[in-house]
Amino acid sequence: MSTDVKQYRSPTRKLLRFFERSRDKWKAKCLEAKLRVKRLHTKVADLQVSRERWKEEVRQLRVELAQAREERKKQEAGPAA
């Protein structure tokens, strides 16, 4: 097993700042991505609820339309008979 330790030529204080900033940027990027995913999950859930509500409304309107057509047919056929 090799224990190669990377040797940097830059001063440690500069490296420390660089690595801290790098870590902080990575963490912020990760948190932002998690937040975005959470927002998208919420949006998808809301859209699914909305879609089901619209589907139910369409089903109801189709039933009403079929009933209205039946009544119309009965009315048109009634006086002629």
Protein backbone atom coordinates (compact mmCIF):
# COMPACT_ATOMS: atom_id res chain seq x y z
CA MET A 1 0.00 0.00 0.00
CA SER A 2 1.38 3.34 -1.03
CA THR A 3 0.90 6.44 1.11
CA ASP A 4 1.65 9.10 -1.43
CA VAL A 5 1.01 12.49 0.08
CA LYS A 6 0.51 15.25 -2.42
CA GLN A 7 2.98 18.06 -1.93
CA TYR A 8 1.76 21.55 -2.74
CA ARG A 9 4.04 24.46 -3.48
CA SER A 10 1.54 27.11 -2.42
CA PRO A 11 1.53 28.36 1.15
CA THR A 12 -0.73 26.43 3.49
CA ARG A 13 -2.80 29.50 4.41
CA LYS A 14 -3.74 30.02 0.75
CA LEU A 15 -4.50 26.34 0.26
CA LEU A 16 -6.65 26.33 3.38
CA ARG A 17 -8.74 29.25 2.11
CA PHE A 18 -9.03 27.65 -1.33
CA PHE A 19 -10.14 24.29 0.05
CA GLU A 20 -12.62 25.91 2.45
CA ARG A 21 -14.18 27.95 -0.35
CA SER A 22 -14.28 24.90 -2.56
CA ARG A 23 -16.02 22.90 0.17
CA ASP A 24 -18.47 25.71 0.91
CA LYS A 25 -19.35 26.10 -2.78
CA TRP A 26 -19.86 22.37 -3.10
CA LYS A 27 -22.13 22.29 -0.04
CA ALA A 28 -24.15 25.28 -1.27
CA LYS A 29 -24.52 23.67 -4.68
CA CYS A 30 -25.67 20.42 -3.09
CA LEU A 31 -28.20 22.17 -0.84
CA GLU A 32 -29.56 24.16 -3.78
CA ALA A 33 -29.95 20.96 -5.81
CA LYS A 34 -31.77 19.26 -2.91
CA LEU A 35 -34.08 22.25 -2.55
CA ARG A 36 -34.80 22.22 -6.28
CA VAL A 37 -35.59 18.50 -6.18
CA LYS A 38 -37.93 19.04 -3.23
CA ARG A 39 -39.70 21.89 -5.05
CA LEU A 40 -40.08 19.73 -8.16
CA HIS A 41 -41.52 16.84 -6.14
CA THR A 42 -44.03 19.22 -4.59
CA LYS A 43 -44.93 20.64 -8.00
CA VAL A 44 -45.40 17.16 -9.46
CA ALA A 45 -47.65 16.18 -6.56
CA ASP A 46 -49.72 19.35 -7.00
CA LEU A 47 -50.01 18.74 -10.73
CA GLN A 48 -51.15 15.16 -10.17
CA VAL A 49 -53.88 16.35 -7.81
CA SER A 50 -54.92 19.02 -10.30
CA ARG A 51 -54.96 16.51 -13.16
CA GLU A 52 -57.16 14.11 -11.21
CA ARG A 53 -59.53 16.97 -10.35
CA TRP A 54 -59.82 17.94 -14.03
CA LYS A 55 -60.33 14.32 -15.06
CA GLU A 56 -63.15 13.98 -12.56
CA GLU A 57 -64.72 17.19 -13.82
CA VAL A 58 -64.55 15.93 -17.42
CA ARG A 59 -66.13 12.61 -16.38
CA GLN A 60 -68.97 14.47 -14.68
CA LEU A 61 -69.50 16.77 -17.65
CA ARG A 62 -69.60 13.77 -20.01
CA VAL A 63 -72.30 12.18 -17.87
CA GLU A 64 -74.28 15.42 -17.89
CA LEU A 65 -73.86 15.74 -21.65
CA ALA A 66 -75.07 12.19 -22.22
CA GLN A 67 -78.09 12.85 -20.02
CA ALA A 68 -78.86 16.09 -21.87
CA ARG A 69 -78.63 14.29 -25.22
CA GLU A 70 -81.00 11.58 -23.96
CA GLU A 71 -83.51 14.18 -22.81
CA ARG A 72 -83.24 15.97 -26.13
CA LYS A 73 -83.86 12.75 -28.06
CA LYS A 74 -86.90 12.00 -25.89
CA GLN A 75 -88.26 15.51 -26.42
CA GLU A 76 -87.77 15.32 -30.19
CA ALA A 77 -89.33 11.86 -30.38
CA GLY A 78 -92.19 12.60 -27.96
CA PRO A 79 -94.40 15.07 -29.89
CA ALA A 80 -94.07 13.17 -33.18
CA ALA A 81 -95.35 9.91 -31.68
